[in-house]
N, C-alpha and C. Protein backbone atom coordinates (compact mmCIF):
# COMPACT_ATOMS: atom_id res chain seq x y z
N MET A 1 -35.25 -13.41 -53.86
CA MET A 1 -35.34 -11.63 -53.02
C MET A 1 -36.06 -12.44 -51.84
N ASN A 2 -36.32 -13.06 -51.27
CA ASN A 2 -36.49 -13.29 -49.93
C ASN A 2 -35.45 -13.55 -49.15
N LEU A 3 -34.56 -14.23 -50.10
CA LEU A 3 -33.24 -14.69 -49.47
C LEU A 3 -32.44 -13.47 -49.31
N VAL A 4 -32.48 -12.83 -50.17
CA VAL A 4 -31.55 -11.37 -49.22
C VAL A 4 -32.07 -10.79 -48.74
N LEU A 5 -33.80 -10.63 -48.51
CA LEU A 5 -33.89 -10.06 -47.35
C LEU A 5 -33.82 -10.33 -45.97
N TYR A 6 -33.70 -11.67 -45.46
CA TYR A 6 -33.33 -12.82 -44.39
C TYR A 6 -32.32 -12.49 -44.32
N PHE A 7 -30.92 -12.16 -45.01
CA PHE A 7 -29.59 -12.22 -45.16
C PHE A 7 -29.32 -11.10 -44.08
N TRP A 8 -30.56 -9.66 -45.13
CA TRP A 8 -29.77 -8.27 -44.34
C TRP A 8 -30.50 -8.48 -42.94
N MET A 9 -31.37 -9.02 -42.45
CA MET A 9 -32.07 -9.25 -41.47
C MET A 9 -31.31 -9.44 -40.27
N VAL A 10 -31.16 -10.80 -40.34
CA VAL A 10 -30.07 -11.82 -39.75
C VAL A 10 -28.90 -10.98 -39.81
N LEU A 11 -28.21 -10.25 -40.66
CA LEU A 11 -26.59 -9.37 -40.74
C LEU A 11 -27.15 -8.29 -39.60
N ILE A 12 -28.36 -7.70 -39.45
CA ILE A 12 -28.73 -6.78 -38.17
C ILE A 12 -28.97 -7.50 -37.17
N VAL A 13 -29.38 -8.23 -36.83
CA VAL A 13 -29.65 -9.04 -35.60
C VAL A 13 -28.37 -9.13 -34.96
N VAL A 14 -27.17 -9.62 -35.97
CA VAL A 14 -26.10 -10.11 -35.44
C VAL A 14 -24.88 -9.03 -35.09
N VAL A 15 -25.30 -7.51 -35.94
CA VAL A 15 -24.42 -6.53 -35.67
C VAL A 15 -25.14 -6.31 -34.30
N HIS A 16 -26.22 -6.06 -34.28
CA HIS A 16 -27.02 -5.13 -33.13
C HIS A 16 -26.73 -6.20 -31.75
N THR A 17 -26.78 -6.97 -31.76
CA THR A 17 -26.62 -7.90 -30.47
C THR A 17 -24.82 -7.83 -30.09
N GLN A 18 -23.81 -7.70 -31.12
CA GLN A 18 -22.89 -7.34 -31.03
C GLN A 18 -22.38 -6.60 -30.55
N LYS A 19 -23.17 -5.69 -31.14
CA LYS A 19 -22.87 -3.86 -30.50
C LYS A 19 -23.52 -4.17 -28.92
N GLN A 20 -24.49 -4.37 -28.57
CA GLN A 20 -24.64 -4.83 -26.90
C GLN A 20 -23.54 -5.36 -26.32
N ALA A 21 -23.28 -6.31 -26.93
CA ALA A 21 -22.40 -7.63 -26.06
C ALA A 21 -21.10 -6.72 -25.55
N CYS A 22 -21.03 -5.80 -26.79
CA CYS A 22 -19.77 -4.68 -26.83
C CYS A 22 -19.75 -3.68 -25.87
N THR A 23 -20.61 -3.02 -25.96
CA THR A 23 -21.15 -1.97 -24.94
C THR A 23 -21.02 -2.60 -23.41
N ALA A 24 -21.88 -3.61 -23.19
CA ALA A 24 -21.40 -4.25 -22.08
C ALA A 24 -20.40 -4.33 -21.53
N THR A 25 -19.64 -5.64 -22.38
CA THR A 25 -17.90 -5.31 -22.09
C THR A 25 -17.22 -4.67 -21.78
N MET A 26 -17.55 -3.05 -22.45
CA MET A 26 -17.11 -1.76 -22.66
C MET A 26 -16.92 -1.59 -20.92
N PHE A 27 -18.65 -1.40 -20.47
CA PHE A 27 -19.18 -1.32 -19.40
C PHE A 27 -18.21 -1.44 -17.92
N PHE A 28 -18.25 -2.62 -18.15
CA PHE A 28 -17.83 -4.15 -16.93
C PHE A 28 -15.95 -3.60 -16.76
N THR A 29 -15.17 -3.88 -18.15
CA THR A 29 -14.11 -3.44 -18.11
C THR A 29 -13.82 -2.07 -17.82
N ARG A 30 -14.62 -0.67 -17.86
CA ARG A 30 -14.49 0.53 -17.30
C ARG A 30 -14.73 0.43 -16.16
N GLY A 31 -15.39 -0.26 -15.21
CA GLY A 31 -15.85 -0.19 -13.83
C GLY A 31 -14.99 -0.90 -13.26
N ILE A 32 -14.19 -2.19 -14.05
CA ILE A 32 -12.85 -2.55 -13.33
C ILE A 32 -11.90 -1.57 -13.24
N SER A 33 -11.62 -1.04 -14.42
CA SER A 33 -10.57 0.11 -14.25
C SER A 33 -10.79 1.12 -13.47
N VAL A 34 -11.89 1.70 -13.38
CA VAL A 34 -12.33 2.52 -12.42
C VAL A 34 -12.10 2.77 -10.80
N THR A 35 -12.66 0.81 -10.78
CA THR A 35 -12.65 0.39 -9.53
C THR A 35 -10.73 0.18 -8.96
N ASN A 36 -10.13 -0.20 -9.97
CA ASN A 36 -8.58 -0.41 -9.55
C ASN A 36 -8.30 1.10 -9.23
N PHE A 37 -8.43 1.80 -9.97
CA PHE A 37 -7.64 3.42 -9.46
C PHE A 37 -8.33 3.87 -8.38
N LEU A 38 -9.88 3.39 -8.04
CA LEU A 38 -9.95 4.46 -6.38
C LEU A 38 -8.89 3.36 -5.70
N VAL A 39 -9.09 1.99 -5.72
CA VAL A 39 -8.26 1.07 -4.78
C VAL A 39 -6.70 1.62 -4.82
N GLY A 40 -6.34 2.25 -6.01
CA GLY A 40 -4.72 2.67 -6.03
C GLY A 40 -4.76 3.88 -5.40
N SER A 41 -5.33 4.37 -5.51
CA SER A 41 -5.70 6.00 -4.87
C SER A 41 -5.61 6.16 -3.52
N SER A 42 -7.03 5.47 -3.29
CA SER A 42 -6.84 4.87 -2.00
C SER A 42 -5.61 4.58 -1.06
N ALA A 43 -5.02 3.23 -1.35
CA ALA A 43 -3.91 2.78 -0.66
C ALA A 43 -2.58 3.78 -0.59
N LEU A 44 -2.72 5.03 -2.13
CA LEU A 44 -0.99 5.56 -1.77
C LEU A 44 -1.60 6.84 -0.90
N ALA A 45 -2.92 7.26 -0.56
CA ALA A 45 -3.27 8.40 0.26
C ALA A 45 -2.77 7.72 1.57
N PHE A 46 -3.82 6.84 1.91
CA PHE A 46 -3.24 6.08 2.87
C PHE A 46 -1.83 5.88 3.83
N GLN A 47 -1.03 5.65 2.52
CA GLN A 47 0.49 5.48 3.07
C GLN A 47 1.22 6.75 2.76
N ALA A 48 0.72 7.70 2.60
CA ALA A 48 1.13 9.08 2.25
C ALA A 48 0.73 9.91 3.88
N PHE A 49 -0.54 9.93 3.86
CA PHE A 49 -0.77 10.72 5.29
C PHE A 49 -1.16 10.07 6.53
N VAL A 50 -1.02 8.83 6.20
CA VAL A 50 -1.04 7.93 7.76
C VAL A 50 -0.05 7.33 8.26
N LEU A 51 0.85 6.57 7.49
CA LEU A 51 1.63 5.28 7.27
C LEU A 51 3.12 5.66 7.64
N TYR A 52 3.57 7.06 6.53
CA TYR A 52 4.86 7.74 6.49
C TYR A 52 4.77 8.90 8.14
N PRO A 53 3.79 9.48 8.61
CA PRO A 53 3.79 10.30 9.54
C PRO A 53 4.10 9.46 10.80
N TRP A 54 3.44 8.50 10.65
CA TRP A 54 3.40 7.51 12.16
C TRP A 54 4.86 6.65 11.91
N HIS A 55 5.43 6.26 11.05
CA HIS A 55 6.65 5.64 10.85
C HIS A 55 7.96 6.51 11.53
N LYS A 56 8.00 8.03 10.84
CA LYS A 56 8.81 9.24 10.86
C LYS A 56 8.61 9.51 12.67
N GLN A 57 7.13 9.26 13.14
CA GLN A 57 7.02 9.72 14.79
C GLN A 57 7.88 8.17 15.95
N LEU A 58 7.88 7.05 14.75
CA LEU A 58 8.04 5.38 15.65
C LEU A 58 9.74 5.83 15.23
N ASP A 59 10.41 6.23 14.48
CA ASP A 59 11.80 6.40 14.12
C ASP A 59 12.60 7.31 15.42
N ASP A 60 11.27 8.43 15.40
CA ASP A 60 12.45 9.38 16.34
C ASP A 60 12.42 9.34 18.01
N ASP A 61 11.20 8.35 18.22
CA ASP A 61 10.72 7.48 19.28
C ASP A 61 12.41 6.70 19.70
N PHE A 62 11.93 5.99 18.49
CA PHE A 62 13.43 4.76 18.83
C PHE A 62 14.83 5.45 19.03
N GLU A 63 14.70 6.73 18.12
CA GLU A 63 16.48 6.94 18.23
C GLU A 63 16.51 7.74 19.74
N ALA A 64 15.37 8.30 20.22
CA ALA A 64 15.28 8.57 21.82
C ALA A 64 15.47 7.56 22.59
N LEU A 65 15.20 6.24 22.50
CA LEU A 65 15.41 5.30 23.35
C LEU A 65 16.42 4.63 23.04
N LYS A 66 17.16 4.42 21.57
CA LYS A 66 18.72 3.69 21.66
C LYS A 66 19.66 5.22 22.67
N LYS A 67 19.80 6.29 22.29
CA LYS A 67 20.02 7.52 23.02
C LYS A 67 20.07 7.19 24.69
N GLU A 68 18.85 6.84 24.97
CA GLU A 68 18.62 6.62 26.30
C GLU A 68 19.31 5.43 27.07
N ASN A 69 19.11 4.74 26.31
CA ASN A 69 20.06 2.87 26.32
C ASN A 69 21.69 3.33 26.81
N ARG A 70 21.60 3.98 25.66
CA ARG A 70 23.05 4.65 25.68
C ARG A 70 23.72 5.48 26.92
N GLN A 71 22.49 5.97 27.33
CA GLN A 71 23.25 6.75 28.96
C GLN A 71 23.28 5.96 29.90
N VAL A 72 22.21 4.98 30.12
CA VAL A 72 22.10 3.98 31.25
C VAL A 72 23.59 3.16 30.90
N LEU A 73 23.76 2.36 29.59
CA LEU A 73 25.26 1.30 29.64
C LEU A 73 26.31 2.50 30.24
N GLN A 74 26.16 3.67 29.75
CA GLN A 74 27.41 4.62 30.35
C GLN A 74 27.45 4.65 31.72
N ALA A 75 26.57 4.78 32.26
CA ALA A 75 26.31 4.89 33.87
C ALA A 75 26.64 3.39 34.25
N LEU A 76 26.02 2.38 33.83
CA LEU A 76 26.82 1.01 34.21
C LEU A 76 28.19 0.69 34.39
N GLU A 77 28.71 0.99 33.08
CA GLU A 77 30.48 0.90 32.91
C GLU A 77 31.10 1.59 33.94
N ALA A 78 30.45 3.15 34.54
CA ALA A 78 31.17 4.03 35.37
C ALA A 78 30.57 3.42 36.51
N ILE A 79 29.92 2.59 36.98
CA ILE A 79 29.19 2.02 37.79
C ILE A 79 30.86 0.94 38.31
N SER A 80 30.57 -0.11 37.32
CA SER A 80 31.39 -0.68 36.88
C SER A 80 32.83 -0.56 37.61
N LEU A 81 33.65 0.63 36.49
CA LEU A 81 34.96 0.69 37.16
C LEU A 81 35.01 1.00 38.53
N LYS A 82 33.90 1.95 38.88
CA LYS A 82 34.38 2.68 40.44
C LYS A 82 34.49 1.10 41.44
N ASP A 83 33.66 0.20 41.27
CA ASP A 83 33.47 -1.08 41.71
C ASP A 83 34.67 -1.97 41.57
N ARG A 84 35.44 -1.78 40.38
CA ARG A 84 36.85 -2.95 40.60
C ARG A 84 38.14 -1.40 41.12
N LYS A 85 37.71 -0.38 41.21
CA LYS A 85 39.13 0.65 41.86
C LYS A 85 38.43 0.07 43.33
N GLY A 86 37.53 0.50 43.89
CA GLY A 86 37.30 -0.11 45.09
C GLY A 86 37.54 -1.42 45.58
N THR A 87 37.91 -2.22 45.11
CA THR A 87 37.88 -3.91 45.24
C THR A 87 39.30 -3.73 44.72
N THR A 88 40.18 -3.81 45.17
CA THR A 88 41.66 -3.96 44.48
C THR A 88 41.93 -5.31 45.62
N PRO A 89 42.99 -6.23 44.87
CA PRO A 89 43.27 -7.01 46.10
C PRO A 89 44.49 -6.85 46.79
N ASN A 90 44.77 -7.70 47.91
CA ASN A 90 45.23 -6.91 48.99
C ASN A 90 47.02 -7.47 48.68
């Protein structure tokens, strides 16, 4: 009879420690999941609300710069053609 009582006591202690370990593991895993979600959400918000508008502004500025560069090249070509016409060989 004593052996059966001892067996049940050991079984209760093992189940109780496994339940505590399972709970600790569950909280640790849940904490990592929540941290991962927060980091991912923050990265997405930063990309959507900071980087995308900044990228759009840079793209617009780059297009304006290309337009200005084309105008300068056309002016230089016009000057070059004018110089060629003005200096004809005799």
